[in-house]
């Protein structure tokens, strides 16, 4: 597939349409998978998997394509919201299946 050492921005810039679509699809796959399964893989056993997935997304985020960047940006915004402000309860529409060990996210936003 795509080796972890790949410079995604350079590969995207010099690739044909099919290869660019592969990188775009990889961004969609990773963000959707992580969005729906983060709770399942956010544990010590899968730490390396999660780190590698996020490293791929970091590299894909550098691609000079507005749509690919927006795909990654939406995911990063959701993840940063979950980790940056733990006192805010997020809507279930962001991560409908997401719960942490000590928290669950109800269907409404409320501030402390």
N, C-alpha and C. Protein backbone atom coordinates (compact mmCIF):
# COMPACT_ATOMS: atom_id res chain seq x y z
N UNK A 1 0.84 -1.19 0.00
CA UNK A 1 0.00 0.00 0.00
C UNK A 1 0.88 1.25 0.00
N UNK A 2 0.80 2.06 1.02
CA UNK A 2 1.59 3.29 1.12
C UNK A 2 2.52 3.15 2.32
N UNK A 3 3.84 3.08 2.08
CA UNK A 3 4.78 2.94 3.20
C UNK A 3 4.71 4.14 4.15
N UNK A 4 4.92 3.92 5.44
CA UNK A 4 4.85 5.01 6.42
C UNK A 4 5.86 6.13 6.16
N UNK A 5 6.95 5.81 5.48
CA UNK A 5 7.98 6.82 5.22
C UNK A 5 7.66 7.73 4.03
N UNK A 6 6.54 7.50 3.38
CA UNK A 6 6.17 8.26 2.19
C UNK A 6 5.92 9.73 2.51
N UNK A 7 6.47 10.60 1.70
CA UNK A 7 6.17 12.03 1.78
C UNK A 7 4.87 12.23 1.01
N UNK A 8 3.77 12.29 1.73
CA UNK A 8 2.44 12.32 1.10
C UNK A 8 2.25 13.55 0.21
N UNK A 9 2.73 14.69 0.66
CA UNK A 9 2.55 15.91 -0.13
C UNK A 9 3.28 15.78 -1.47
N UNK A 10 4.51 15.30 -1.44
CA UNK A 10 5.27 15.13 -2.68
C UNK A 10 4.66 14.04 -3.56
N UNK A 11 4.25 12.94 -2.93
CA UNK A 11 3.64 11.85 -3.69
C UNK A 11 2.36 12.31 -4.36
N UNK A 12 1.55 13.08 -3.65
CA UNK A 12 0.30 13.58 -4.20
C UNK A 12 0.56 14.53 -5.36
N UNK A 13 1.54 15.41 -5.19
CA UNK A 13 1.84 16.42 -6.21
C UNK A 13 2.35 15.80 -7.51
N UNK A 14 3.06 14.68 -7.42
CA UNK A 14 3.66 14.08 -8.61
C UNK A 14 2.89 12.87 -9.13
N UNK A 15 1.75 12.58 -8.54
CA UNK A 15 0.99 11.39 -8.91
C UNK A 15 -0.08 11.68 -9.95
N UNK A 16 -0.52 10.61 -10.60
CA UNK A 16 -1.64 10.74 -11.52
C UNK A 16 -2.95 10.73 -10.73
N UNK A 17 -4.06 10.86 -11.40
CA UNK A 17 -5.36 10.97 -10.74
C UNK A 17 -5.69 9.74 -9.88
N UNK A 18 -5.34 8.55 -10.35
CA UNK A 18 -5.64 7.34 -9.59
C UNK A 18 -4.88 7.30 -8.26
N UNK A 19 -3.61 7.68 -8.29
CA UNK A 19 -2.83 7.68 -7.06
C UNK A 19 -3.28 8.79 -6.11
N UNK A 20 -3.67 9.93 -6.66
CA UNK A 20 -4.22 10.99 -5.82
C UNK A 20 -5.51 10.55 -5.17
N UNK A 21 -6.33 9.81 -5.92
CA UNK A 21 -7.57 9.29 -5.37
C UNK A 21 -7.29 8.28 -4.25
N UNK A 22 -6.22 7.50 -4.39
CA UNK A 22 -5.84 6.54 -3.35
C UNK A 22 -5.54 7.28 -2.04
N UNK A 23 -4.79 8.37 -2.12
CA UNK A 23 -4.45 9.14 -0.92
C UNK A 23 -5.71 9.77 -0.33
N UNK A 24 -6.57 10.27 -1.17
CA UNK A 24 -7.83 10.84 -0.70
C UNK A 24 -8.70 9.77 -0.03
N UNK A 25 -8.77 8.60 -0.63
CA UNK A 25 -9.54 7.50 -0.05
C UNK A 25 -8.93 7.00 1.25
N UNK A 26 -7.60 7.03 1.34
CA UNK A 26 -6.94 6.65 2.58
C UNK A 26 -7.31 7.62 3.70
N UNK A 27 -7.36 8.92 3.38
CA UNK A 27 -7.78 9.91 4.37
C UNK A 27 -9.21 9.65 4.81
N UNK A 28 -10.10 9.38 3.87
CA UNK A 28 -11.49 9.09 4.21
C UNK A 28 -11.61 7.83 5.06
N UNK A 29 -10.88 6.80 4.67
CA UNK A 29 -10.93 5.55 5.43
C UNK A 29 -10.45 5.74 6.85
N UNK A 30 -9.27 6.34 7.01
CA UNK A 30 -8.72 6.51 8.35
C UNK A 30 -9.59 7.38 9.23
N UNK A 31 -10.06 8.49 8.70
CA UNK A 31 -10.88 9.38 9.52
C UNK A 31 -12.21 8.73 9.89
N UNK A 32 -12.84 8.04 8.96
CA UNK A 32 -14.10 7.36 9.27
C UNK A 32 -13.90 6.20 10.24
N UNK A 33 -12.86 5.43 10.02
CA UNK A 33 -12.59 4.30 10.92
C UNK A 33 -12.30 4.80 12.33
N UNK A 34 -11.43 5.77 12.44
CA UNK A 34 -11.09 6.29 13.76
C UNK A 34 -12.29 6.98 14.42
N UNK A 35 -13.06 7.67 13.62
CA UNK A 35 -14.25 8.34 14.13
C UNK A 35 -15.21 7.35 14.79
N UNK A 36 -15.41 6.22 14.14
CA UNK A 36 -16.40 5.26 14.63
C UNK A 36 -15.83 4.23 15.60
N UNK A 37 -14.52 4.02 15.60
CA UNK A 37 -13.94 2.96 16.42
C UNK A 37 -12.88 3.44 17.40
N UNK A 38 -12.78 4.73 17.60
CA UNK A 38 -11.75 5.26 18.49
C UNK A 38 -11.84 4.65 19.88
N UNK A 39 -13.03 4.51 20.37
CA UNK A 39 -13.24 3.94 21.71
C UNK A 39 -12.65 2.53 21.80
N UNK A 40 -12.78 1.76 20.75
CA UNK A 40 -12.29 0.38 20.77
C UNK A 40 -10.78 0.27 20.68
N UNK A 41 -10.16 1.20 19.97
CA UNK A 41 -8.71 1.08 19.77
C UNK A 41 -7.89 2.01 20.66
N UNK A 42 -8.56 2.82 21.47
CA UNK A 42 -7.83 3.71 22.37
C UNK A 42 -7.54 2.98 23.67
N UNK A 43 -6.56 2.07 23.60
CA UNK A 43 -6.14 1.30 24.77
C UNK A 43 -4.68 0.92 24.58
N UNK A 44 -4.02 0.47 25.64
CA UNK A 44 -2.58 0.16 25.56
C UNK A 44 -2.23 -0.89 24.50
N UNK A 45 -3.10 -1.88 24.29
CA UNK A 45 -2.80 -2.93 23.32
C UNK A 45 -2.73 -2.39 21.89
N UNK A 46 -3.49 -1.35 21.61
CA UNK A 46 -3.57 -0.81 20.25
C UNK A 46 -2.89 0.55 20.11
N UNK A 47 -2.06 0.90 21.08
CA UNK A 47 -1.42 2.21 21.07
C UNK A 47 -0.60 2.43 19.80
N UNK A 48 0.16 1.45 19.38
CA UNK A 48 0.99 1.59 18.17
C UNK A 48 0.12 1.77 16.93
N UNK A 49 -0.97 1.03 16.83
CA UNK A 49 -1.91 1.17 15.72
C UNK A 49 -2.48 2.59 15.65
N UNK A 50 -2.89 3.10 16.79
CA UNK A 50 -3.47 4.44 16.85
C UNK A 50 -2.43 5.51 16.50
N UNK A 51 -1.23 5.34 17.00
CA UNK A 51 -0.16 6.29 16.68
C UNK A 51 0.15 6.27 15.19
N UNK A 52 0.26 5.09 14.61
CA UNK A 52 0.54 4.99 13.17
C UNK A 52 -0.58 5.58 12.33
N UNK A 53 -1.82 5.33 12.71
CA UNK A 53 -2.95 5.91 11.97
C UNK A 53 -2.89 7.43 12.04
N UNK A 54 -2.59 7.98 13.21
CA UNK A 54 -2.49 9.43 13.34
C UNK A 54 -1.28 9.99 12.59
N UNK A 55 -0.19 9.25 12.56
CA UNK A 55 0.97 9.70 11.78
C UNK A 55 0.65 9.75 10.28
N UNK A 56 -0.08 8.75 9.79
CA UNK A 56 -0.52 8.80 8.40
C UNK A 56 -1.39 10.04 8.15
N UNK A 57 -2.30 10.30 9.07
CA UNK A 57 -3.18 11.47 8.90
C UNK A 57 -2.40 12.78 8.96
N UNK A 58 -1.39 12.84 9.79
CA UNK A 58 -0.55 14.05 9.83
C UNK A 58 0.10 14.26 8.47
N UNK A 59 0.64 13.19 7.91
CA UNK A 59 1.29 13.30 6.60
C UNK A 59 0.27 13.64 5.50
N UNK A 60 -0.89 13.03 5.55
CA UNK A 60 -1.92 13.31 4.56
C UNK A 60 -2.41 14.75 4.69
N UNK A 61 -2.40 15.28 5.91
CA UNK A 61 -2.83 16.66 6.14
C UNK A 61 -1.95 17.68 5.42
N UNK A 62 -0.75 17.28 5.04
CA UNK A 62 0.16 18.20 4.35
C UNK A 62 -0.06 18.24 2.84
N UNK A 63 -0.96 17.39 2.34
CA UNK A 63 -1.25 17.35 0.90
C UNK A 63 -1.88 18.67 0.47
N UNK A 64 -1.43 19.16 -0.68
CA UNK A 64 -1.93 20.44 -1.20
C UNK A 64 -3.20 20.22 -2.01
N UNK A 65 -4.26 19.85 -1.31
CA UNK A 65 -5.57 19.67 -1.92
C UNK A 65 -6.61 20.08 -0.88
N UNK A 66 -7.45 20.98 -1.25
CA UNK A 66 -8.43 21.55 -0.31
C UNK A 66 -9.35 20.49 0.29
N UNK A 67 -9.87 19.59 -0.53
CA UNK A 67 -10.81 18.58 -0.03
C UNK A 67 -10.14 17.59 0.90
N UNK A 68 -8.94 17.15 0.57
CA UNK A 68 -8.21 16.22 1.43
C UNK A 68 -7.90 16.90 2.76
N UNK A 69 -7.49 18.14 2.70
CA UNK A 69 -7.20 18.88 3.92
C UNK A 69 -8.46 19.02 4.79
N UNK A 70 -9.59 19.29 4.17
CA UNK A 70 -10.84 19.45 4.92
C UNK A 70 -11.25 18.14 5.59
N UNK A 71 -11.01 17.02 4.93
CA UNK A 71 -11.30 15.72 5.52
C UNK A 71 -10.49 15.54 6.81
N UNK A 72 -9.20 15.82 6.70
CA UNK A 72 -8.32 15.68 7.86
C UNK A 72 -8.64 16.71 8.94
N UNK A 73 -8.89 17.92 8.53
CA UNK A 73 -9.17 19.00 9.49
C UNK A 73 -10.42 18.69 10.32
N UNK A 74 -11.44 18.16 9.69
CA UNK A 74 -12.66 17.81 10.42
C UNK A 74 -12.36 16.78 11.51
N UNK A 75 -11.55 15.79 11.17
CA UNK A 75 -11.19 14.77 12.17
C UNK A 75 -10.37 15.39 13.29
N UNK A 76 -9.36 16.19 12.93
CA UNK A 76 -8.51 16.80 13.97
C UNK A 76 -9.33 17.69 14.89
N UNK A 77 -10.30 18.39 14.34
CA UNK A 77 -11.14 19.26 15.16
C UNK A 77 -11.94 18.44 16.17
N UNK A 78 -12.47 17.31 15.74
CA UNK A 78 -13.24 16.46 16.65
C UNK A 78 -12.35 15.87 17.74
N UNK A 79 -11.18 15.39 17.36
CA UNK A 79 -10.28 14.79 18.34
C UNK A 79 -9.78 15.84 19.32
N UNK A 80 -9.42 17.01 18.85
CA UNK A 80 -8.93 18.05 19.76
C UNK A 80 -10.02 18.51 20.70
N UNK A 81 -11.24 18.53 20.24
CA UNK A 81 -12.36 18.91 21.09
C UNK A 81 -12.56 17.88 22.19
N UNK A 82 -12.39 16.62 21.88
CA UNK A 82 -12.54 15.57 22.88
C UNK A 82 -11.44 15.63 23.93
N UNK A 83 -10.23 15.95 23.52
CA UNK A 83 -9.10 15.90 24.43
C UNK A 83 -8.76 17.24 25.09
N UNK A 84 -9.11 18.34 24.46
CA UNK A 84 -8.72 19.64 24.97
C UNK A 84 -9.63 20.15 26.07
N UNK A 85 -10.91 19.91 25.94
CA UNK A 85 -11.87 20.48 26.88
C UNK A 85 -12.70 19.34 27.48
N UNK A 86 -12.11 18.59 28.40
CA UNK A 86 -12.85 17.44 28.94
C UNK A 86 -14.06 17.83 29.78
N UNK A 87 -14.15 19.07 30.24
CA UNK A 87 -15.27 19.45 31.08
C UNK A 87 -16.53 19.74 30.28
N UNK A 88 -16.41 19.90 28.98
CA UNK A 88 -17.59 20.14 28.15
C UNK A 88 -18.13 18.80 27.67
N UNK A 89 -19.40 18.61 27.78
CA UNK A 89 -20.02 17.39 27.29
C UNK A 89 -20.43 17.62 25.83
N UNK A 90 -19.94 16.76 24.95
CA UNK A 90 -20.13 16.93 23.52
C UNK A 90 -21.40 16.25 23.05
N UNK A 91 -21.86 16.67 21.89
CA UNK A 91 -23.06 16.05 21.33
C UNK A 91 -22.75 14.66 20.84
N UNK A 92 -23.74 13.82 20.87
CA UNK A 92 -23.55 12.46 20.39
C UNK A 92 -23.37 12.43 18.88
N UNK A 93 -23.70 13.51 18.21
CA UNK A 93 -23.52 13.53 16.76
C UNK A 93 -22.06 13.61 16.36
N UNK A 94 -21.18 14.08 17.26
CA UNK A 94 -19.76 14.11 16.93
C UNK A 94 -19.18 12.70 16.92
N UNK A 95 -19.35 11.98 18.01
CA UNK A 95 -18.86 10.61 18.13
C UNK A 95 -19.96 9.78 18.78
N UNK A 96 -20.91 9.28 18.01
CA UNK A 96 -22.06 8.62 18.59
C UNK A 96 -21.73 7.38 19.43
N UNK A 97 -20.63 6.70 19.14
CA UNK A 97 -20.29 5.49 19.87
C UNK A 97 -19.18 5.70 20.89
N UNK A 98 -18.80 6.94 21.13
CA UNK A 98 -17.63 7.22 21.95
C UNK A 98 -17.97 7.35 23.42
N UNK A 99 -17.27 6.60 24.24
CA UNK A 99 -17.31 6.79 25.68
C UNK A 99 -15.90 6.60 26.19
N UNK A 100 -15.56 7.29 27.23
CA UNK A 100 -14.29 7.08 27.90
C UNK A 100 -14.57 6.33 29.19
N UNK A 101 -13.53 5.87 29.83
CA UNK A 101 -13.72 5.10 31.04
C UNK A 101 -14.56 5.83 32.08
N UNK A 102 -14.31 7.13 32.24
CA UNK A 102 -15.02 7.86 33.28
C UNK A 102 -16.07 8.80 32.74
N UNK A 103 -16.20 8.87 31.42
CA UNK A 103 -17.15 9.82 30.84
C UNK A 103 -17.94 9.19 29.71
N UNK A 104 -19.15 9.66 29.57
CA UNK A 104 -19.93 9.36 28.37
C UNK A 104 -20.41 10.70 27.85
N UNK A 105 -20.66 10.78 26.59
CA UNK A 105 -21.06 12.04 26.00
C UNK A 105 -22.56 12.02 25.70
N UNK A 106 -23.33 12.86 26.39
CA UNK A 106 -24.77 12.90 26.16
C UNK A 106 -25.12 13.57 24.85
N UNK A 107 -26.41 13.65 24.57
CA UNK A 107 -26.86 14.16 23.28
C UNK A 107 -26.97 15.69 23.23
N UNK A 108 -26.60 16.39 24.29
CA UNK A 108 -26.64 17.86 24.28
C UNK A 108 -25.33 18.41 24.78
N UNK A 109 -25.04 19.63 24.38
CA UNK A 109 -23.84 20.31 24.84
C UNK A 109 -24.19 21.13 26.07
N UNK A 110 -23.39 20.99 27.09
CA UNK A 110 -23.57 21.85 28.26
C UNK A 110 -22.20 22.27 28.75
N UNK A 111 -22.11 23.45 29.28
CA UNK A 111 -20.85 23.93 29.81
C UNK A 111 -20.92 23.94 31.32
N UNK A 112 -19.79 23.80 31.99
CA UNK A 112 -19.79 23.72 33.45
C UNK A 112 -20.29 25.02 34.09
